[in-house]
PDB file of all heavy atoms in Angstrom:
ATOM      1  N   GLN A   1      44.598  19.435  13.582  1.00  0.00           N
ATOM      2  CA  GLN A   1      44.759  20.633  14.397  1.00  0.00           C
ATOM      3  C   GLN A   1      45.916  21.499  13.906  1.00  0.00           C
ATOM      4  O   GLN A   1      45.789  22.726  13.762  1.00  0.00           O
ATOM      5  CB  GLN A   1      44.982  20.237  15.859  1.00  0.00           C
ATOM      6  CG  GLN A   1      43.781  19.606  16.542  1.00  0.00           C
ATOM      7  CD  GLN A   1      42.684  20.618  16.836  1.00  0.00           C
ATOM      8  OE1 GLN A   1      42.947  21.777  17.143  1.00  0.00           O
ATOM      9  NE2 GLN A   1      41.444  20.179  16.743  1.00  0.00           N
ATOM     10  N   LEU A   2      47.049  20.868  13.629  1.00  0.00           N
ATOM     11  CA  LEU A   2      48.240  21.614  13.204  1.00  0.00           C
ATOM     12  C   LEU A   2      48.037  22.263  11.846  1.00  0.00           C
ATOM     13  O   LEU A   2      48.404  23.433  11.643  1.00  0.00           O
ATOM     14  CB  LEU A   2      49.445  20.684  13.170  1.00  0.00           C
ATOM     15  CG  LEU A   2      49.936  20.156  14.518  1.00  0.00           C
ATOM     16  CD1 LEU A   2      50.988  19.077  14.311  1.00  0.00           C
ATOM     17  CD2 LEU A   2      50.482  21.285  15.384  1.00  0.00           C
ATOM     18  N   TYR A   3      47.455  21.536  10.907  1.00  0.00           N
ATOM     19  CA  TYR A   3      47.285  22.077   9.561  1.00  0.00           C
ATOM     20  C   TYR A   3      46.288  23.228   9.536  1.00  0.00           C
ATOM     21  O   TYR A   3      46.506  24.240   8.865  1.00  0.00           O
ATOM     22  CB  TYR A   3      46.831  20.984   8.599  1.00  0.00           C
ATOM     23  CG  TYR A   3      47.820  19.866   8.377  1.00  0.00           C
ATOM     24  CD1 TYR A   3      47.432  18.676   7.762  1.00  0.00           C
ATOM     25  CD2 TYR A   3      49.146  19.971   8.796  1.00  0.00           C
ATOM     26  CE1 TYR A   3      48.328  17.641   7.569  1.00  0.00           C
ATOM     27  CE2 TYR A   3      50.046  18.946   8.608  1.00  0.00           C
ATOM     28  CZ  TYR A   3      49.630  17.774   7.987  1.00  0.00           C
ATOM     29  OH  TYR A   3      50.518  16.739   7.788  1.00  0.00           O
ATOM     30  N   ARG A   4      45.187  23.081  10.263  1.00  0.00           N
ATOM     31  CA  ARG A   4      44.189  24.152  10.289  1.00  0.00           C
ATOM     32  C   ARG A   4      44.719  25.387  11.008  1.00  0.00           C
ATOM     33  O   ARG A   4      44.380  26.512  10.645  1.00  0.00           O
ATOM     34  CB  ARG A   4      42.909  23.654  10.946  1.00  0.00           C
ATOM     35  CG  ARG A   4      42.157  22.609  10.136  1.00  0.00           C
ATOM     36  CD  ARG A   4      40.933  22.115  10.869  1.00  0.00           C
ATOM     37  NE  ARG A   4      39.951  23.175  11.037  1.00  0.00           N
ATOM     38  CZ  ARG A   4      38.925  23.097  11.886  1.00  0.00           C
ATOM     39  NH1 ARG A   4      38.775  22.027  12.649  1.00  0.00           N
ATOM     40  NH2 ARG A   4      38.066  24.102  11.983  1.00  0.00           N
ATOM     41  N   ARG A   5      45.555  25.170  11.985  1.00  0.00           N
ATOM     42  CA  ARG A   5      46.073  26.292  12.783  1.00  0.00           C
ATOM     43  C   ARG A   5      47.237  27.001  12.090  1.00  0.00           C
ATOM     44  O   ARG A   5      47.370  28.224  12.179  1.00  0.00           O
ATOM     45  CB  ARG A   5      46.536  25.739  14.129  1.00  0.00           C
ATOM     46  CG  ARG A   5      47.050  26.780  15.103  1.00  0.00           C
ATOM     47  CD  ARG A   5      45.951  27.414  15.916  1.00  0.00           C
ATOM     48  NE  ARG A   5      46.436  28.525  16.711  1.00  0.00           N
ATOM     49  CZ  ARG A   5      47.013  28.404  17.907  1.00  0.00           C
ATOM     50  NH1 ARG A   5      47.156  27.206  18.452  1.00  0.00           N
ATOM     51  NH2 ARG A   5      47.410  29.473  18.559  1.00  0.00           N
ATOM     52  N   TYR A   6      48.105  26.263  11.403  1.00  0.00           N
ATOM     53  CA  TYR A   6      49.362  26.843  10.923  1.00  0.00           C
ATOM     54  C   TYR A   6      49.544  26.834   9.413  1.00  0.00           C
ATOM     55  O   TYR A   6      50.622  27.180   8.933  1.00  0.00           O
ATOM     56  CB  TYR A   6      50.531  26.116  11.587  1.00  0.00           C
ATOM     57  CG  TYR A   6      50.519  26.251  13.088  1.00  0.00           C
ATOM     58  CD1 TYR A   6      50.323  25.154  13.914  1.00  0.00           C
ATOM     59  CD2 TYR A   6      50.672  27.499  13.696  1.00  0.00           C
ATOM     60  CE1 TYR A   6      50.292  25.275  15.293  1.00  0.00           C
ATOM     61  CE2 TYR A   6      50.639  27.640  15.077  1.00  0.00           C
ATOM     62  CZ  TYR A   6      50.444  26.524  15.874  1.00  0.00           C
ATOM     63  OH  TYR A   6      50.405  26.653  17.234  1.00  0.00           O
ATOM     64  N   THR A   7      48.505  26.457   8.662  1.00  0.00           N
ATOM     65  CA  THR A   7      48.614  26.494   7.197  1.00  0.00           C
ATOM     66  C   THR A   7      47.313  26.987   6.573  1.00  0.00           C
ATOM     67  O   THR A   7      46.264  27.019   7.217  1.00  0.00           O
ATOM     68  CB  THR A   7      48.934  25.106   6.600  1.00  0.00           C
ATOM     69  OG1 THR A   7      47.847  24.200   6.863  1.00  0.00           O
ATOM     70  CG2 THR A   7      50.214  24.533   7.160  1.00  0.00           C
ATOM     71  N   LYS A   8      47.422  27.330   5.292  1.00  0.00           N
ATOM     72  CA  LYS A   8      46.269  27.725   4.483  1.00  0.00           C
ATOM     73  C   LYS A   8      46.064  26.694   3.378  1.00  0.00           C
ATOM     74  O   LYS A   8      46.939  25.864   3.102  1.00  0.00           O
ATOM     75  CB  LYS A   8      46.516  29.097   3.857  1.00  0.00           C
ATOM     76  CG  LYS A   8      46.730  30.221   4.854  1.00  0.00           C
ATOM     77  CD  LYS A   8      46.947  31.548   4.153  1.00  0.00           C
ATOM     78  CE  LYS A   8      48.287  31.580   3.455  1.00  0.00           C
ATOM     79  NZ  LYS A   8      48.600  32.917   2.890  1.00  0.00           N
ATOM     80  N   ARG A   9      44.920  26.756   2.753  1.00  0.00           N
ATOM     81  CA  ARG A   9      44.648  25.905   1.596  1.00  0.00           C
ATOM     82  C   ARG A   9      45.751  26.097   0.549  1.00  0.00           C
ATOM     83  O   ARG A   9      46.177  27.220   0.277  1.00  0.00           O
ATOM     84  CB  ARG A   9      43.281  26.270   1.004  1.00  0.00           C
ATOM     85  CG  ARG A   9      42.850  25.426  -0.197  1.00  0.00           C
ATOM     86  CD  ARG A   9      41.545  25.954  -0.739  1.00  0.00           C
ATOM     87  NE  ARG A   9      40.451  25.700   0.181  1.00  0.00           N
ATOM     88  CZ  ARG A   9      39.621  24.669   0.095  1.00  0.00           C
ATOM     89  NH1 ARG A   9      39.772  23.786  -0.886  1.00  0.00           N
ATOM     90  NH2 ARG A   9      38.651  24.516   0.960  1.00  0.00           N
ATOM     91  N   ASN A  10      46.238  24.990   0.000  1.00  0.00           N
ATOM     92  CA  ASN A  10      47.286  24.956  -1.033  1.00  0.00           C
ATOM     93  C   ASN A  10      48.683  25.291  -0.511  1.00  0.00           C
ATOM     94  O   ASN A  10      49.624  25.408  -1.302  1.00  0.00           O
ATOM     95  CB  ASN A  10      46.947  25.874  -2.216  1.00  0.00           C
ATOM     96  CG  ASN A  10      45.701  25.419  -2.950  1.00  0.00           C
ATOM     97  OD1 ASN A  10      45.497  24.217  -3.150  1.00  0.00           O
ATOM     98  ND2 ASN A  10      44.866  26.355  -3.351  1.00  0.00           N
ATOM     99  N   ASP A  11      48.853  25.447   0.789  1.00  0.00           N
ATOM    100  CA  ASP A  11      50.199  25.564   1.358  1.00  0.00           C
ATOM    101  C   ASP A  11      50.936  24.238   1.213  1.00  0.00           C
ATOM    102  O   ASP A  11      50.316  23.163   1.148  1.00  0.00           O
ATOM    103  CB  ASP A  11      50.130  25.937   2.846  1.00  0.00           C
ATOM    104  CG  ASP A  11      50.058  27.444   3.072  1.00  0.00           C
ATOM    105  OD1 ASP A  11      50.159  28.207   2.092  1.00  0.00           O
ATOM    106  OD2 ASP A  11      49.887  27.846   4.239  1.00  0.00           O
ATOM    107  N   LEU A  12      52.256  24.326   1.211  1.00  0.00           N
ATOM    108  CA  LEU A  12      53.085  23.131   1.050  1.00  0.00           C
ATOM    109  C   LEU A  12      53.682  22.704   2.383  1.00  0.00           C
ATOM    110  O   LEU A  12      54.329  23.498   3.074  1.00  0.00           O
ATOM    111  CB  LEU A  12      54.208  23.399   0.050  1.00  0.00           C
ATOM    112  CG  LEU A  12      55.210  22.260  -0.175  1.00  0.00           C
ATOM    113  CD1 LEU A  12      54.520  20.995  -0.679  1.00  0.00           C
ATOM    114  CD2 LEU A  12      56.295  22.699  -1.161  1.00  0.00           C
ATOM    115  N   ILE A  13      53.469  21.439   2.725  1.00  0.00           N
ATOM    116  CA  ILE A  13      53.985  20.847   3.965  1.00  0.00           C
ATOM    117  C   ILE A  13      55.100  19.876   3.612  1.00  0.00           C
ATOM    118  O   ILE A  13      54.921  18.994   2.781  1.00  0.00           O
ATOM    119  CB  ILE A  13      52.865  20.093   4.709  1.00  0.00           C
ATOM    120  CG1 ILE A  13      51.728  21.051   5.076  1.00  0.00           C
ATOM    121  CG2 ILE A  13      53.416  19.391   5.949  1.00  0.00           C
ATOM    122  CD1 ILE A  13      50.430  20.336   5.428  1.00  0.00           C
ATOM    123  N   LEU A  14      56.243  20.039   4.249  1.00  0.00           N
ATOM    124  CA  LEU A  14      57.344  19.084   4.115  1.00  0.00           C
ATOM    125  C   LEU A  14      57.466  18.301   5.413  1.00  0.00           C
ATOM    126  O   LEU A  14      57.666  18.883   6.479  1.00  0.00           O
ATOM    127  CB  LEU A  14      58.663  19.801   3.809  1.00  0.00           C
ATOM    128  CG  LEU A  14      59.937  18.933   3.875  1.00  0.00           C
ATOM    129  CD1 LEU A  14      59.875  17.779   2.878  1.00  0.00           C
ATOM    130  CD2 LEU A  14      61.191  19.791   3.640  1.00  0.00           C
ATOM    131  N   ASN A  15      57.348  16.999   5.316  1.00  0.00           N
ATOM    132  CA  ASN A  15      57.466  16.129   6.483  1.00  0.00           C
ATOM    133  C   ASN A  15      58.788  15.372   6.390  1.00  0.00           C
ATOM    134  O   ASN A  15      58.948  14.466   5.577  1.00  0.00           O
ATOM    135  CB  ASN A  15      56.288  15.147   6.537  1.00  0.00           C
ATOM    136  CG  ASN A  15      56.276  14.330   7.819  1.00  0.00           C
ATOM    137  OD1 ASN A  15      57.121  14.502   8.689  1.00  0.00           O
ATOM    138  ND2 ASN A  15      55.320  13.423   7.917  1.00  0.00           N
ATOM    139  N   ILE A  16      59.732  15.781   7.220  1.00  0.00           N
ATOM    140  CA  ILE A  16      61.024  15.096   7.260  1.00  0.00           C
ATOM    141  C   ILE A  16      60.952  13.974   8.292  1.00  0.00           C
ATOM    142  O   ILE A  16      60.395  14.150   9.364  1.00  0.00           O
ATOM    143  CB  ILE A  16      62.150  16.087   7.590  1.00  0.00           C
ATOM    144  CG1 ILE A  16      62.307  17.090   6.436  1.00  0.00           C
ATOM    145  CG2 ILE A  16      63.468  15.365   7.841  1.00  0.00           C
ATOM    146  CD1 ILE A  16      63.415  18.100   6.633  1.00  0.00           C
ATOM    147  N   PHE A  17      61.511  12.832   7.969  1.00  0.00           N
ATOM    148  CA  PHE A  17      61.395  11.572   8.714  1.00  0.00           C
ATOM    149  C   PHE A  17      59.994  10.977   8.542  1.00  0.00           C
ATOM    150  O   PHE A  17      59.555  10.183   9.358  1.00  0.00           O
ATOM    151  CB  PHE A  17      61.663  11.737  10.221  1.00  0.00           C
ATOM    152  CG  PHE A  17      62.931  12.427  10.567  1.00  0.00           C
ATOM    153  CD1 PHE A  17      62.937  13.684  11.126  1.00  0.00           C
ATOM    154  CD2 PHE A  17      64.152  11.811  10.347  1.00  0.00           C
ATOM    155  CE1 PHE A  17      64.126  14.332  11.459  1.00  0.00           C
ATOM    156  CE2 PHE A  17      65.344  12.432  10.676  1.00  0.00           C
ATOM    157  CZ  PHE A  17      65.325  13.690  11.222  1.00  0.00           C
ATOM    158  N   GLY A  18      59.282  11.382   7.484  1.00  0.00           N
ATOM    159  CA  GLY A  18      57.872  11.037   7.321  1.00  0.00           C
ATOM    160  C   GLY A  18      57.525   9.620   7.719  1.00  0.00           C
ATOM    161  O   GLY A  18      57.671   8.705   6.921  1.00  0.00           O
ATOM    162  N   ASN A  19      57.049   9.435   8.921  1.00  0.00           N
ATOM    163  CA  ASN A  19      56.701   8.090   9.390  1.00  0.00           C
ATOM    164  C   ASN A  19      55.259   8.017   9.872  1.00  0.00           C
ATOM    165  O   ASN A  19      54.922   7.165  10.678  1.00  0.00           O
ATOM    166  CB  ASN A  19      57.646   7.645  10.523  1.00  0.00           C
ATOM    167  CG  ASN A  19      57.653   8.608  11.691  1.00  0.00           C
ATOM    168  OD1 ASN A  19      56.716   9.370  11.884  1.00  0.00           O
ATOM    169  ND2 ASN A  19      58.719   8.569  12.482  1.00  0.00           N
ATOM    170  N   SER A  20      54.407   8.928   9.369  1.00  0.00           N
ATOM    171  CA  SER A  20      52.998   8.916   9.768  1.00  0.00           C
ATOM    172  C   SER A  20      52.119   8.994   8.535  1.00  0.00           C
ATOM    173  O   SER A  20      52.108  10.002   7.824  1.00  0.00           O
ATOM    174  CB  SER A  20      52.699  10.096  10.699  1.00  0.00           C
ATOM    175  OG  SER A  20      51.323  10.172  10.963  1.00  0.00           O
ATOM    176  N   LYS A  21      51.386   7.934   8.305  1.00  0.00           N
ATOM    177  CA  LYS A  21      50.474   7.900   7.156  1.00  0.00           C
ATOM    178  C   LYS A  21      49.381   8.947   7.302  1.00  0.00           C
ATOM    179  O   LYS A  21      48.950   9.564   6.323  1.00  0.00           O
ATOM    180  CB  LYS A  21      49.862   6.507   7.028  1.00  0.00           C
ATOM    181  CG  LYS A  21      49.056   6.317   5.748  1.00  0.00           C
ATOM    182  CD  LYS A  21      48.564   4.878   5.619  1.00  0.00           C
ATOM    183  CE  LYS A  21      47.779   4.701   4.326  1.00  0.00           C
ATOM    184  NZ  LYS A  21      47.277   3.304   4.183  1.00  0.00           N
ATOM    185  N   SER A  22      48.927   9.165   8.541  1.00  0.00           N
ATOM    186  CA  SER A  22      47.839  10.120   8.756  1.00  0.00           C
ATOM    187  C   SER A  22      48.262  11.551   8.453  1.00  0.00           C
ATOM    188  O   SER A  22      47.423  12.403   8.153  1.00  0.00           O
ATOM    189  CB  SER A  22      47.310  10.012  10.189  1.00  0.00           C
ATOM    190  OG  SER A  22      48.311  10.312  11.129  1.00  0.00           O
ATOM    191  N   ALA A  23      49.565  11.840   8.518  1.00  0.00           N
ATOM    192  CA  ALA A  23      50.046  13.187   8.191  1.00  0.00           C
ATOM    193  C   ALA A  23      49.723  13.529   6.741  1.00  0.00           C
ATOM    194  O   ALA A  23      49.255  14.632   6.433  1.00  0.00           O
ATOM    195  CB  ALA A  23      51.545  13.284   8.439  1.00  0.00           C
ATOM    196  N   GLU A  24      49.958  12.585   5.848  1.00  0.00           N
ATOM    197  CA  GLU A  24      49.654  12.804   4.431  1.00  0.00           C
ATOM    198  C   GLU A  24      48.155  12.777   4.175  1.00  0.00           C
ATOM    199  O   GLU A  24      47.626  13.606   3.426  1.00  0.00           O
ATOM    200  CB  GLU A  24      50.344  11.744   3.576  1.00  0.00           C
ATOM    201  CG  GLU A  24      50.089  11.916   2.094  1.00  0.00           C
ATOM    202  CD  GLU A  24      50.856  10.927   1.250  1.00  0.00           C
ATOM    203  OE1 GLU A  24      51.418   9.964   1.821  1.00  0.00           O
ATOM    204  OE2 GLU A  24      50.899  11.109   0.018  1.00  0.00           O
ATOM    205  N   GLU A  25      47.462  11.844   4.788  1.00  0.00           N
ATOM    206  CA  GLU A  25      46.015  11.723   4.579  1.00  0.00           C
ATOM    207  C   GLU A  25      45.286  13.000   4.982  1.00  0.00           C
ATOM    208  O   GLU A  25      44.385  13.462   4.269  1.00  0.00           O
ATOM    209  CB  GLU A  25      45.474  10.540   5.373  1.00  0.00           C
ATOM    210  CG  GLU A  25      45.924   9.187   4.851  1.00  0.00           C
ATOM    211  CD  GLU A  25      45.501   8.030   5.740  1.00  0.00           C
ATOM    212  OE1 GLU A  25      45.088   8.287   6.891  1.00  0.00           O
ATOM    213  OE2 GLU A  25      45.572   6.870   5.291  1.00  0.00           O
ATOM    214  N   GLU A  26      45.689  13.578   6.098  1.00  0.00           N
ATOM    215  CA  GLU A  26      45.021  14.788   6.568  1.00  0.00           C
ATOM    216  C   GLU A  26      45.347  15.975   5.676  1.00  0.00           C
ATOM    217  O   GLU A  26      44.504  16.850   5.464  1.00  0.00           O
ATOM    218  CB  GLU A  26      45.431  15.068   8.018  1.00  0.00           C
ATOM    219  CG  GLU A  26      44.456  15.926   8.779  1.00  0.00           C
ATOM    220  CD  GLU A  26      43.070  15.311   8.876  1.00  0.00           C
ATOM    221  OE1 GLU A  26      42.966  14.085   9.048  1.00  0.00           O
ATOM    222  OE2 GLU A  26      42.085  16.075   8.786  1.00  0.00           O
ATOM    223  N   ALA A  27      46.570  16.019   5.147  1.00  0.00           N
ATOM    224  CA  ALA A  27      46.944  17.098   4.229  1.00  0.00           C
ATOM    225  C   ALA A  27      46.077  17.058   2.967  1.00  0.00           C
ATOM    226  O   ALA A  27      45.581  18.096   2.507  1.00  0.00           O
ATOM    227  CB  ALA A  27      48.421  16.987   3.862  1.00  0.00           C
ATOM    228  N   ILE A  28      45.882  15.868   2.425  1.00  0.00           N
ATOM    229  CA  ILE A  28      45.039  15.718   1.234  1.00  0.00           C
ATOM    230  C   ILE A  28      43.600  16.113   1.541  1.00  0.00           C
ATOM    231  O   ILE A  28      42.947  16.830   0.772  1.00  0.00           O
ATOM    232  CB  ILE A  28      45.108  14.264   0.722  1.00  0.00           C
ATOM    233  CG1 ILE A  28      46.526  13.951   0.227  1.00  0.00           C
ATOM    234  CG2 ILE A  28      44.088  14.027  -0.378  1.00  0.00           C
ATOM    235  CD1 ILE A  28      46.765  12.490  -0.076  1.00  0.00           C
ATOM    236  N   LYS A  29      43.103  15.671   2.681  1.00  0.00           N
ATOM    237  CA  LYS A  29      41.734  15.970   3.093  1.00  0.00           C
ATOM    238  C   LYS A  29      41.494  17.472   3.212  1.00  0.00           C
ATOM    239  O   LYS A  29      40.420  17.985   2.857  1.00  0.00           O
ATOM    240  CB  LYS A  29      41.454  15.285   4.435  1.00  0.00           C
ATOM    241  CG  LYS A  29      40.082  15.555   5.022  1.00  0.00           C
ATOM    242  CD  LYS A  29      39.942  14.849   6.366  1.00  0.00           C
ATOM    243  CE  LYS A  29      38.643  15.217   7.069  1.00  0.00           C
ATOM    244  NZ  LYS A  29      38.548  14.570   8.408  1.00  0.00           N
ATOM    245  N   LEU A  30      42.499  18.206   3.692  1.00  0.00           N
ATOM    246  CA  LEU A  30      42.352  19.646   3.924  1.00  0.00           C
ATOM    247  C   LEU A  30      42.897  20.491   2.771  1.00  0.00           C
ATOM    248  O   LEU A  30      43.080  21.697   2.904  1.00  0.00           O
ATOM    249  CB  LEU A  30      43.061  20.036   5.227  1.00  0.00           C
ATOM    250  CG  LEU A  30      42.459  19.453   6.506  1.00  0.00           C
ATOM    251  CD1 LEU A  30      43.329  19.795   7.719  1.00  0.00           C
ATOM    252  CD2 LEU A  30      41.040  19.972   6.725  1.00  0.00           C
ATOM    253  N   ASN A  31      43.186  19.836   1.633  1.00  0.00           N
ATOM    254  CA  ASN A  31      43.653  20.547   0.431  1.00  0.00           C
ATOM    255  C   ASN A  31      44.972  21.280   0.651  1.00  0.00           C
ATOM    256  O   ASN A  31      45.160  22.417   0.220  1.00  0.00           O
ATOM    257  CB  ASN A  31      42.587  21.525  -0.063  1.00  0.00           C
ATOM    258  CG  ASN A  31      41.314  20.826  -0.494  1.00  0.00           C
ATOM    259  OD1 ASN A  31      41.338  20.010  -1.411  1.00  0.00           O
ATOM    260  ND2 ASN A  31      40.216  21.123   0.174  1.00  0.00           N
ATOM    261  N   ARG A  32      45.896  20.594   1.326  1.00  0.00           N
ATOM    262  CA  ARG A  32      47.259  21.085   1.451  1.00  0.00           C
ATOM    263  C   ARG A  32      48.173  20.254   0.552  1.00  0.00           C
ATOM    264  O   ARG A  32      47.925  19.062   0.344  1.00  0.00           O
ATOM    265  CB  ARG A  32      47.758  20.977   2.890  1.00  0.00           C
ATOM    266  CG  ARG A  32      47.472  22.161   3.793  1.00  0.00           C
ATOM    267  CD  ARG A  32      46.028  22.454   3.997  1.00  0.00           C
ATOM    268  NE  ARG A  32      45.808  23.448   5.051  1.00  0.00           N
ATOM    269  CZ  ARG A  32      44.635  23.998   5.288  1.00  0.00           C
ATOM    270  NH1 ARG A  32      43.565  23.677   4.564  1.00  0.00           N
ATOM    271  NH2 ARG A  32      44.510  24.896   6.271  1.00  0.00           N
ATOM    272  N   LEU A  33      49.210  20.889   0.024  1.00  0.00           N
ATOM    273  CA  LEU A  33      50.228  20.153  -0.721  1.00  0.00           C
ATOM    274  C   LEU A  33      51.166  19.499   0.282  1.00  0.00           C
ATOM    275  O   LEU A  33      51.430  20.056   1.346  1.00  0.00           O
ATOM    276  CB  LEU A  33      50.996  21.092  -1.642  1.00  0.00           C
ATOM    277  CG  LEU A  33      50.158  21.888  -2.649  1.00  0.00           C
ATOM    278  CD1 LEU A  33      51.026  22.875  -3.408  1.00  0.00           C
ATOM    279  CD2 LEU A  33      49.434  20.956  -3.614  1.00  0.00           C
ATOM    280  N   TYR A  34      51.703  18.338  -0.103  1.00  0.00           N
ATOM    281  CA  TYR A  34      52.460  17.558   0.888  1.00  0.00           C
ATOM    282  C   TYR A  34      53.516  16.716   0.201  1.00  0.00           C
ATOM    283  O   TYR A  34      53.275  16.117  -0.848  1.00  0.00           O
ATOM    284  CB  TYR A  34      51.485  16.650   1.638  1.00  0.00           C
ATOM    285  CG  TYR A  34      52.115  15.711   2.649  1.00  0.00           C
ATOM    286  CD1 TYR A  34      52.209  16.068   3.983  1.00  0.00           C
ATOM    287  CD2 TYR A  34      52.602  14.453   2.274  1.00  0.00           C
ATOM    288  CE1 TYR A  34      52.768  15.210   4.927  1.00  0.00           C
ATOM    289  CE2 TYR A  34      53.174  13.596   3.203  1.00  0.00           C
ATOM    290  CZ  TYR A  34      53.243  13.975   4.522  1.00  0.00           C
ATOM    291  OH  TYR A  34      53.807  13.121   5.452  1.00  0.00           O
ATOM    292  N   PHE A  35      54.712  16.690   0.769  1.00  0.00           N
ATOM    293  CA  PHE A  35      55.678  15.655   0.403  1.00  0.00           C
ATOM    294  C   PHE A  35      56.578  15.368   1.586  1.00  0.00           C
ATOM    295  O   PHE A  35      56.676  16.153   2.527  1.00  0.00           O
ATOM    296  CB  PHE A  35      56.459  16.006  -0.867  1.00  0.00           C
ATOM    297  CG  PHE A  35      57.576  17.002  -0.703  1.00  0.00           C
ATOM    298  CD1 PHE A  35      58.900  16.584  -0.705  1.00  0.00           C
ATOM    299  CD2 PHE A  35      57.316  18.360  -0.608  1.00  0.00           C
ATOM    300  CE1 PHE A  35      59.930  17.494  -0.588  1.00  0.00           C
ATOM    301  CE2 PHE A  35      58.345  19.286  -0.498  1.00  0.00           C
ATOM    302  CZ  PHE A  35      59.658  18.846  -0.488  1.00  0.00           C
TER     303      PHE A  35
END
């Protein structure tokens, strides 16, 4: 929901305190860059 609402394809997401595996999985699925 968050990625589709607040990002575009190939946008870069920075997850600080990254403690959710699904955060990265969903970014890859929706063609977002992630670290």
